[in-house]
Amino acid sequence: MERNIEKKFGYQVGMVAHLYHNLSNERLAHFDITVAQARVLYILVQHGPQTQVELQQQLYVKASTMTGIIDSLLSKSLIGKADSEQDKRAKIITVTDKGKELDQKIWEDMSDMEEKILAGFSKEELALFKFWLSKVKDNICKLNEGGE
């Protein structure tokens, strides 16, 4: 069997993800924010207030990592944090007006970056590409849940 890591799916996806993540962080540094912090803002703007645990689950991160992200966004006054009325142990995270404004700027900048990265792909190719990536993500989630 030929051993060529560059022909492996995981290698190619990993490299693209690594390069994309680095480029994203470079661009987001101009806003003094990280990719993970930007994702939290996006979720809160799109879906409204969330518990810290809900955010953690949507971002696939550990509790300690989520706490660091939340603390950083709080220190920048981009989000608010309060006790849940239903469960005093849970913390409800909300986005501030300052956070909403930053999210819009980030959205515009990242959309521009993505447009440049995906230049040359047809709409059909992009739709198929996104479908395949979604399918791979679902398969990985099933494996993580103990499925075959």
N, C-alpha and C. Protein backbone atom coordinates (compact mmCIF):
# COMPACT_ATOMS: atom_id res chain seq x y z
N MET A 1 0.85 -1.19 0.00
CA MET A 1 0.00 0.00 0.00
C MET A 1 0.89 1.25 0.00
N GLU A 2 0.58 2.15 -0.90
CA GLU A 2 1.33 3.40 -0.99
C GLU A 2 1.03 4.30 0.21
N ARG A 3 2.09 4.87 0.76
CA ARG A 3 1.93 5.79 1.89
C ARG A 3 2.25 7.20 1.42
N ASN A 4 1.19 7.99 1.21
CA ASN A 4 1.35 9.38 0.80
C ASN A 4 0.30 10.19 1.54
N ILE A 5 0.76 10.88 2.56
CA ILE A 5 -0.18 11.61 3.42
C ILE A 5 -0.97 12.67 2.66
N GLU A 6 -0.38 13.23 1.62
CA GLU A 6 -1.07 14.27 0.87
C GLU A 6 -2.28 13.75 0.10
N LYS A 7 -2.38 12.44 -0.06
CA LYS A 7 -3.55 11.84 -0.72
C LYS A 7 -4.65 11.50 0.28
N LYS A 8 -4.39 11.67 1.55
CA LYS A 8 -5.38 11.36 2.58
C LYS A 8 -6.36 12.52 2.76
N PHE A 9 -7.62 12.18 2.87
CA PHE A 9 -8.68 13.17 3.07
C PHE A 9 -8.42 14.00 4.32
N GLY A 10 -8.09 13.33 5.41
CA GLY A 10 -7.87 14.01 6.69
C GLY A 10 -6.76 15.03 6.62
N TYR A 11 -5.71 14.71 5.89
CA TYR A 11 -4.59 15.64 5.75
C TYR A 11 -5.05 16.89 5.01
N GLN A 12 -5.74 16.71 3.90
CA GLN A 12 -6.18 17.85 3.10
C GLN A 12 -7.16 18.73 3.87
N VAL A 13 -8.12 18.12 4.52
CA VAL A 13 -9.09 18.87 5.32
C VAL A 13 -8.38 19.58 6.46
N GLY A 14 -7.47 18.89 7.11
CA GLY A 14 -6.72 19.48 8.22
C GLY A 14 -5.90 20.68 7.79
N MET A 15 -5.25 20.57 6.65
CA MET A 15 -4.44 21.68 6.15
C MET A 15 -5.30 22.89 5.79
N VAL A 16 -6.41 22.62 5.10
CA VAL A 16 -7.32 23.72 4.73
C VAL A 16 -7.87 24.37 6.00
N ALA A 17 -8.29 23.56 6.96
CA ALA A 17 -8.83 24.11 8.21
C ALA A 17 -7.77 24.93 8.94
N HIS A 18 -6.56 24.42 8.98
CA HIS A 18 -5.46 25.12 9.66
C HIS A 18 -5.18 26.48 8.99
N LEU A 19 -5.05 26.46 7.68
CA LEU A 19 -4.77 27.70 6.95
C LEU A 19 -5.93 28.70 7.06
N TYR A 20 -7.16 28.18 6.97
CA TYR A 20 -8.34 29.03 7.09
C TYR A 20 -8.42 29.66 8.49
N HIS A 21 -8.16 28.85 9.49
CA HIS A 21 -8.20 29.32 10.88
C HIS A 21 -7.15 30.41 11.11
N ASN A 22 -5.94 30.17 10.62
CA ASN A 22 -4.87 31.16 10.78
C ASN A 22 -5.21 32.47 10.07
N LEU A 23 -5.71 32.38 8.84
CA LEU A 23 -6.09 33.58 8.10
C LEU A 23 -7.23 34.32 8.81
N SER A 24 -8.19 33.57 9.31
CA SER A 24 -9.31 34.17 10.04
C SER A 24 -8.81 34.90 11.27
N ASN A 25 -7.94 34.26 12.03
CA ASN A 25 -7.41 34.90 13.24
C ASN A 25 -6.60 36.16 12.91
N GLU A 26 -5.87 36.13 11.80
CA GLU A 26 -5.13 37.34 11.38
C GLU A 26 -6.08 38.49 11.11
N ARG A 27 -7.14 38.19 10.38
CA ARG A 27 -8.11 39.25 10.04
C ARG A 27 -8.87 39.72 11.28
N LEU A 28 -9.22 38.78 12.15
CA LEU A 28 -9.98 39.13 13.35
C LEU A 28 -9.13 39.88 14.37
N ALA A 29 -7.82 39.72 14.29
CA ALA A 29 -6.93 40.44 15.21
C ALA A 29 -7.12 41.95 15.07
N HIS A 30 -7.50 42.41 13.89
CA HIS A 30 -7.76 43.84 13.68
C HIS A 30 -8.95 44.32 14.52
N PHE A 31 -9.82 43.37 14.90
CA PHE A 31 -10.98 43.69 15.73
C PHE A 31 -10.72 43.33 17.19
N ASP A 32 -9.52 42.85 17.50
CA ASP A 32 -9.14 42.40 18.85
C ASP A 32 -10.07 41.29 19.33
N ILE A 33 -10.25 40.29 18.47
CA ILE A 33 -11.15 39.18 18.79
C ILE A 33 -10.62 37.91 18.11
N THR A 34 -10.96 36.75 18.66
CA THR A 34 -10.54 35.47 18.09
C THR A 34 -11.69 34.83 17.32
N VAL A 35 -11.38 33.77 16.60
CA VAL A 35 -12.41 33.03 15.87
C VAL A 35 -13.49 32.53 16.84
N ALA A 36 -13.08 31.94 17.93
CA ALA A 36 -14.04 31.40 18.91
C ALA A 36 -14.93 32.50 19.48
N GLN A 37 -14.34 33.65 19.78
CA GLN A 37 -15.13 34.77 20.30
C GLN A 37 -16.11 35.28 19.25
N ALA A 38 -15.67 35.35 18.00
CA ALA A 38 -16.54 35.79 16.91
C ALA A 38 -17.71 34.82 16.73
N ARG A 39 -17.45 33.54 16.90
CA ARG A 39 -18.53 32.54 16.77
C ARG A 39 -19.58 32.73 17.86
N VAL A 40 -19.14 33.04 19.07
CA VAL A 40 -20.10 33.28 20.16
C VAL A 40 -20.97 34.49 19.83
N LEU A 41 -20.36 35.57 19.36
CA LEU A 41 -21.14 36.75 18.98
C LEU A 41 -22.15 36.39 17.90
N TYR A 42 -21.71 35.65 16.90
CA TYR A 42 -22.59 35.26 15.80
C TYR A 42 -23.80 34.47 16.33
N ILE A 43 -23.54 33.48 17.17
CA ILE A 43 -24.63 32.65 17.71
C ILE A 43 -25.63 33.52 18.49
N LEU A 44 -25.10 34.42 19.31
CA LEU A 44 -25.98 35.26 20.13
C LEU A 44 -26.79 36.23 19.26
N VAL A 45 -26.19 36.79 18.24
CA VAL A 45 -26.91 37.70 17.34
C VAL A 45 -27.97 36.94 16.56
N GLN A 46 -27.63 35.76 16.06
CA GLN A 46 -28.55 34.99 15.23
C GLN A 46 -29.66 34.30 16.01
N HIS A 47 -29.32 33.81 17.20
CA HIS A 47 -30.27 32.95 17.93
C HIS A 47 -30.72 33.50 19.28
N GLY A 48 -30.23 34.66 19.65
CA GLY A 48 -30.64 35.26 20.91
C GLY A 48 -29.89 34.70 22.10
N PRO A 49 -30.30 35.09 23.29
CA PRO A 49 -29.61 34.66 24.52
C PRO A 49 -29.50 33.14 24.60
N GLN A 50 -28.37 32.70 25.14
CA GLN A 50 -28.08 31.28 25.27
C GLN A 50 -27.47 31.05 26.65
N THR A 51 -27.62 29.83 27.15
CA THR A 51 -26.88 29.50 28.36
C THR A 51 -25.43 29.24 27.97
N GLN A 52 -24.57 29.33 28.94
CA GLN A 52 -23.16 29.07 28.69
C GLN A 52 -22.98 27.63 28.19
N VAL A 53 -23.75 26.71 28.73
CA VAL A 53 -23.66 25.30 28.32
C VAL A 53 -24.13 25.14 26.87
N GLU A 54 -25.19 25.83 26.47
CA GLU A 54 -25.66 25.75 25.09
C GLU A 54 -24.59 26.25 24.12
N LEU A 55 -23.95 27.35 24.47
CA LEU A 55 -22.87 27.88 23.63
C LEU A 55 -21.73 26.87 23.54
N GLN A 56 -21.39 26.30 24.66
CA GLN A 56 -20.31 25.32 24.72
C GLN A 56 -20.60 24.14 23.78
N GLN A 57 -21.83 23.66 23.81
CA GLN A 57 -22.21 22.52 22.97
C GLN A 57 -22.19 22.88 21.49
N GLN A 58 -22.62 24.09 21.15
CA GLN A 58 -22.64 24.51 19.75
C GLN A 58 -21.24 24.73 19.19
N LEU A 59 -20.30 25.07 20.06
CA LEU A 59 -18.93 25.32 19.63
C LEU A 59 -18.02 24.10 19.78
N TYR A 60 -18.55 23.02 20.38
CA TYR A 60 -17.78 21.79 20.60
C TYR A 60 -16.51 22.07 21.39
N VAL A 61 -16.65 22.82 22.49
CA VAL A 61 -15.49 23.12 23.34
C VAL A 61 -15.77 22.66 24.77
N LYS A 62 -14.71 22.57 25.56
CA LYS A 62 -14.82 22.19 26.96
C LYS A 62 -15.31 23.38 27.78
N ALA A 63 -15.82 23.08 28.97
CA ALA A 63 -16.35 24.12 29.85
C ALA A 63 -15.30 25.17 30.19
N SER A 64 -14.08 24.72 30.46
CA SER A 64 -13.02 25.66 30.83
C SER A 64 -12.69 26.60 29.66
N THR A 65 -12.71 26.08 28.45
CA THR A 65 -12.47 26.90 27.27
C THR A 65 -13.59 27.92 27.10
N MET A 66 -14.83 27.47 27.29
CA MET A 66 -15.98 28.38 27.15
C MET A 66 -15.91 29.48 28.18
N THR A 67 -15.50 29.16 29.40
CA THR A 67 -15.37 30.17 30.45
C THR A 67 -14.37 31.24 30.05
N GLY A 68 -13.26 30.84 29.46
CA GLY A 68 -12.25 31.80 29.01
C GLY A 68 -12.78 32.71 27.91
N ILE A 69 -13.52 32.13 26.98
CA ILE A 69 -14.11 32.92 25.88
C ILE A 69 -15.10 33.93 26.44
N ILE A 70 -15.96 33.46 27.33
CA ILE A 70 -16.98 34.33 27.94
C ILE A 70 -16.31 35.46 28.72
N ASP A 71 -15.32 35.12 29.53
CA ASP A 71 -14.63 36.15 30.33
C ASP A 71 -13.99 37.21 29.44
N SER A 72 -13.39 36.78 28.35
CA SER A 72 -12.76 37.73 27.43
C SER A 72 -13.80 38.66 26.79
N LEU A 73 -14.91 38.10 26.35
CA LEU A 73 -15.97 38.92 25.74
C LEU A 73 -16.61 39.86 26.76
N LEU A 74 -16.73 39.40 28.00
CA LEU A 74 -17.26 40.26 29.07
C LEU A 74 -16.33 41.45 29.32
N SER A 75 -15.04 41.18 29.33
CA SER A 75 -14.07 42.25 29.61
C SER A 75 -14.06 43.31 28.52
N LYS A 76 -14.52 42.95 27.33
CA LYS A 76 -14.60 43.90 26.21
C LYS A 76 -15.99 44.53 26.08
N SER A 77 -16.88 44.19 27.02
CA SER A 77 -18.26 44.68 27.03
C SER A 77 -19.03 44.30 25.77
N LEU A 78 -18.73 43.13 25.21
CA LEU A 78 -19.41 42.67 24.01
C LEU A 78 -20.60 41.77 24.33
N ILE A 79 -20.61 41.23 25.54
CA ILE A 79 -21.71 40.37 26.00
C ILE A 79 -22.06 40.71 27.44
N GLY A 80 -23.21 40.21 27.86
CA GLY A 80 -23.62 40.30 29.26
C GLY A 80 -23.86 38.89 29.79
N LYS A 81 -23.83 38.75 31.10
CA LYS A 81 -23.99 37.44 31.74
C LYS A 81 -24.85 37.61 32.97
N ALA A 82 -25.88 36.77 33.10
CA ALA A 82 -26.79 36.86 34.25
C ALA A 82 -27.24 35.46 34.65
N ASP A 83 -27.72 35.34 35.89
CA ASP A 83 -28.28 34.08 36.35
C ASP A 83 -29.59 33.80 35.62
N SER A 84 -29.82 32.54 35.31
CA SER A 84 -31.08 32.13 34.69
C SER A 84 -32.19 32.20 35.73
N GLU A 85 -33.36 32.63 35.32
CA GLU A 85 -34.50 32.68 36.24
C GLU A 85 -35.03 31.27 36.51
N GLN A 86 -34.86 30.36 35.53
CA GLN A 86 -35.35 28.99 35.69
C GLN A 86 -34.39 28.12 36.50
N ASP A 87 -33.09 28.35 36.33
CA ASP A 87 -32.08 27.52 36.98
C ASP A 87 -30.94 28.43 37.42
N LYS A 88 -30.86 28.71 38.70
CA LYS A 88 -29.87 29.66 39.22
C LYS A 88 -28.43 29.21 38.98
N ARG A 89 -28.23 27.91 38.71
CA ARG A 89 -26.88 27.43 38.41
C ARG A 89 -26.45 27.81 37.00
N ALA A 90 -27.42 28.01 36.12
CA ALA A 90 -27.13 28.31 34.71
C ALA A 90 -26.91 29.81 34.53
N LYS A 91 -26.02 30.14 33.60
CA LYS A 91 -25.74 31.54 33.27
C LYS A 91 -26.28 31.82 31.87
N ILE A 92 -27.03 32.91 31.73
CA ILE A 92 -27.56 33.32 30.44
C ILE A 92 -26.63 34.37 29.85
N ILE A 93 -26.22 34.14 28.62
CA ILE A 93 -25.31 35.04 27.94
C ILE A 93 -26.09 35.81 26.87
N THR A 94 -25.94 37.12 26.87
CA THR A 94 -26.60 37.99 25.90
C THR A 94 -25.55 38.84 25.20
N VAL A 95 -25.90 39.33 24.02
CA VAL A 95 -24.99 40.19 23.27
C VAL A 95 -25.38 41.65 23.53
N THR A 96 -24.39 42.51 23.70
CA THR A 96 -24.63 43.93 23.91
C THR A 96 -24.74 44.63 22.55
N ASP A 97 -25.16 45.89 22.56
CA ASP A 97 -25.21 46.67 21.32
C ASP A 97 -23.81 46.77 20.72
N LYS A 98 -22.81 46.96 21.56
CA LYS A 98 -21.42 47.02 21.09
C LYS A 98 -21.05 45.70 20.41
N GLY A 99 -21.48 44.58 20.99
CA GLY A 99 -21.22 43.27 20.42
C GLY A 99 -21.91 43.08 19.08
N LYS A 100 -23.15 43.59 18.97
CA LYS A 100 -23.90 43.49 17.71
C LYS A 100 -23.20 44.29 16.61
N GLU A 101 -22.73 45.47 16.95
CA GLU A 101 -22.03 46.31 15.96
C GLU A 101 -20.75 45.62 15.49
N LEU A 102 -20.01 45.06 16.42
CA LEU A 102 -18.77 44.37 16.06
C LEU A 102 -19.08 43.14 15.22
N ASP A 103 -20.12 42.40 15.58
CA ASP A 103 -20.51 41.21 14.82
C ASP A 103 -20.79 41.58 13.36
N GLN A 104 -21.45 42.69 13.12
CA GLN A 104 -21.75 43.10 11.74
C GLN A 104 -20.48 43.42 10.97
N LYS A 105 -19.55 44.12 11.60
CA LYS A 105 -18.27 44.43 10.94
C LYS A 105 -17.51 43.14 10.62
N ILE A 106 -17.50 42.22 11.57
CA ILE A 106 -16.82 40.94 11.38
C ILE A 106 -17.48 40.17 10.25
N TRP A 107 -18.80 40.14 10.23
CA TRP A 107 -19.54 39.43 9.19
C TRP A 107 -19.15 39.94 7.80
N GLU A 108 -19.09 41.24 7.65
CA GLU A 108 -18.73 41.83 6.36
C GLU A 108 -17.30 41.48 5.97
N ASP A 109 -16.37 41.57 6.91
CA ASP A 109 -14.98 41.29 6.63
C ASP A 109 -14.77 39.81 6.30
N MET A 110 -15.37 38.93 7.08
CA MET A 110 -15.19 37.50 6.86
C MET A 110 -15.90 37.05 5.58
N SER A 111 -17.00 37.67 5.24
CA SER A 111 -17.69 37.35 3.98
C SER A 111 -16.80 37.72 2.79
N ASP A 112 -16.12 38.85 2.89
CA ASP A 112 -15.19 39.27 1.85
C ASP A 112 -14.05 38.26 1.72
N MET A 113 -13.52 37.83 2.84
CA MET A 113 -12.43 36.84 2.83
C MET A 113 -12.91 35.54 2.20
N GLU A 114 -14.08 35.08 2.59
CA GLU A 114 -14.60 33.82 2.06
C GLU A 114 -14.85 33.90 0.56
N GLU A 115 -15.35 35.03 0.12
CA GLU A 115 -15.58 35.22 -1.32
C GLU A 115 -14.28 35.07 -2.10
N LYS A 116 -13.20 35.62 -1.57
CA LYS A 116 -11.89 35.52 -2.23
C LYS A 116 -11.35 34.09 -2.19
N ILE A 117 -11.55 33.40 -1.08
CA ILE A 117 -11.08 32.03 -0.94
C ILE A 117 -11.80 31.09 -1.90
N LEU A 118 -13.08 31.34 -2.12
CA LEU A 118 -13.89 30.45 -2.95
C LEU A 118 -14.02 30.92 -4.40
N ALA A 119 -13.20 31.88 -4.79
CA ALA A 119 -13.22 32.38 -6.16
C ALA A 119 -12.97 31.23 -7.14
N GLY A 120 -13.73 31.22 -8.22
CA GLY A 120 -13.55 30.20 -9.25
C GLY A 120 -14.47 29.01 -9.11
N PHE A 121 -15.19 28.90 -8.00
CA PHE A 121 -16.15 27.82 -7.83
C PHE A 121 -17.52 28.28 -8.35
N SER A 122 -18.23 27.39 -9.02
CA SER A 122 -19.59 27.70 -9.44
C SER A 122 -20.53 27.53 -8.24
N LYS A 123 -21.74 28.05 -8.37
CA LYS A 123 -22.73 27.89 -7.29
C LYS A 123 -23.01 26.41 -7.04
N GLU A 124 -23.07 25.64 -8.11
CA GLU A 124 -23.34 24.21 -7.99
C GLU A 124 -22.19 23.49 -7.26
N GLU A 125 -20.96 23.84 -7.63
CA GLU A 125 -19.79 23.24 -6.98
C GLU A 125 -19.76 23.58 -5.49
N LEU A 126 -20.07 24.83 -5.16
CA LEU A 126 -20.09 25.23 -3.75
C LEU A 126 -21.18 24.50 -2.97
N ALA A 127 -22.35 24.35 -3.57
CA ALA A 127 -23.44 23.65 -2.90
C ALA A 127 -23.06 22.20 -2.63
N LEU A 128 -22.46 21.55 -3.61
CA LEU A 128 -22.04 20.17 -3.46
C LEU A 128 -20.92 20.04 -2.43
N PHE A 129 -19.97 20.95 -2.48
CA PHE A 129 -18.86 20.96 -1.53
C PHE A 129 -19.38 21.09 -0.10
N LYS A 130 -20.29 22.03 0.13
CA LYS A 130 -20.87 22.22 1.47
C LYS A 130 -21.67 20.99 1.90
N PHE A 131 -22.38 20.37 0.97
CA PHE A 131 -23.13 19.15 1.27
C PHE A 131 -22.18 18.05 1.73
N TRP A 132 -21.08 17.87 1.00
CA TRP A 132 -20.11 16.82 1.36
C TRP A 132 -19.49 17.10 2.72
N LEU A 133 -19.12 18.34 2.98
CA LEU A 133 -18.53 18.68 4.28
C LEU A 133 -19.51 18.42 5.41
N SER A 134 -20.78 18.75 5.19
CA SER A 134 -21.81 18.50 6.19
C SER A 134 -21.96 17.01 6.47
N LYS A 135 -21.89 16.23 5.42
CA LYS A 135 -21.98 14.77 5.56
C LYS A 135 -20.80 14.22 6.36
N VAL A 136 -19.61 14.71 6.07
CA VAL A 136 -18.41 14.29 6.81
C VAL A 136 -18.56 14.68 8.28
N LYS A 137 -19.02 15.92 8.55
CA LYS A 137 -19.21 16.37 9.93
C LYS A 137 -20.20 15.45 10.66
N ASP A 138 -21.31 15.10 10.00
CA ASP A 138 -22.29 14.22 10.62
C ASP A 138 -21.68 12.85 10.93
N ASN A 139 -20.88 12.32 10.02
CA ASN A 139 -20.23 11.02 10.25
C ASN A 139 -19.26 11.08 11.43
N ILE A 140 -18.53 12.19 11.54
CA ILE A 140 -17.60 12.35 12.65
C ILE A 140 -18.36 12.44 13.97
N CYS A 141 -19.47 13.18 13.97
CA CYS A 141 -20.29 13.28 15.18
C CYS A 141 -20.83 11.92 15.60
N LYS A 142 -21.24 11.11 14.64
CA LYS A 142 -21.72 9.76 14.94
C LYS A 142 -20.62 8.91 15.57
N LEU A 143 -19.41 9.02 15.02
CA LEU A 143 -18.28 8.29 15.60
C LEU A 143 -17.99 8.74 17.02
N ASN A 144 -18.07 10.05 17.25
CA ASN A 144 -17.83 10.58 18.59
C ASN A 144 -18.88 10.12 19.58
N GLU A 145 -20.08 9.81 19.09
CA GLU A 145 -21.16 9.34 19.96
C GLU A 145 -21.11 7.83 20.16
N GLY A 146 -20.10 7.20 19.56
CA GLY A 146 -19.94 5.75 19.75
C GLY A 146 -20.58 4.93 18.64
N GLY A 147 -21.06 5.59 17.59
CA GLY A 147 -21.67 4.87 16.47
C GLY A 147 -20.63 4.25 15.57
N GLU A 148 -21.07 3.40 14.70
CA GLU A 148 -20.14 2.73 13.77
C GLU A 148 -20.11 3.44 12.46
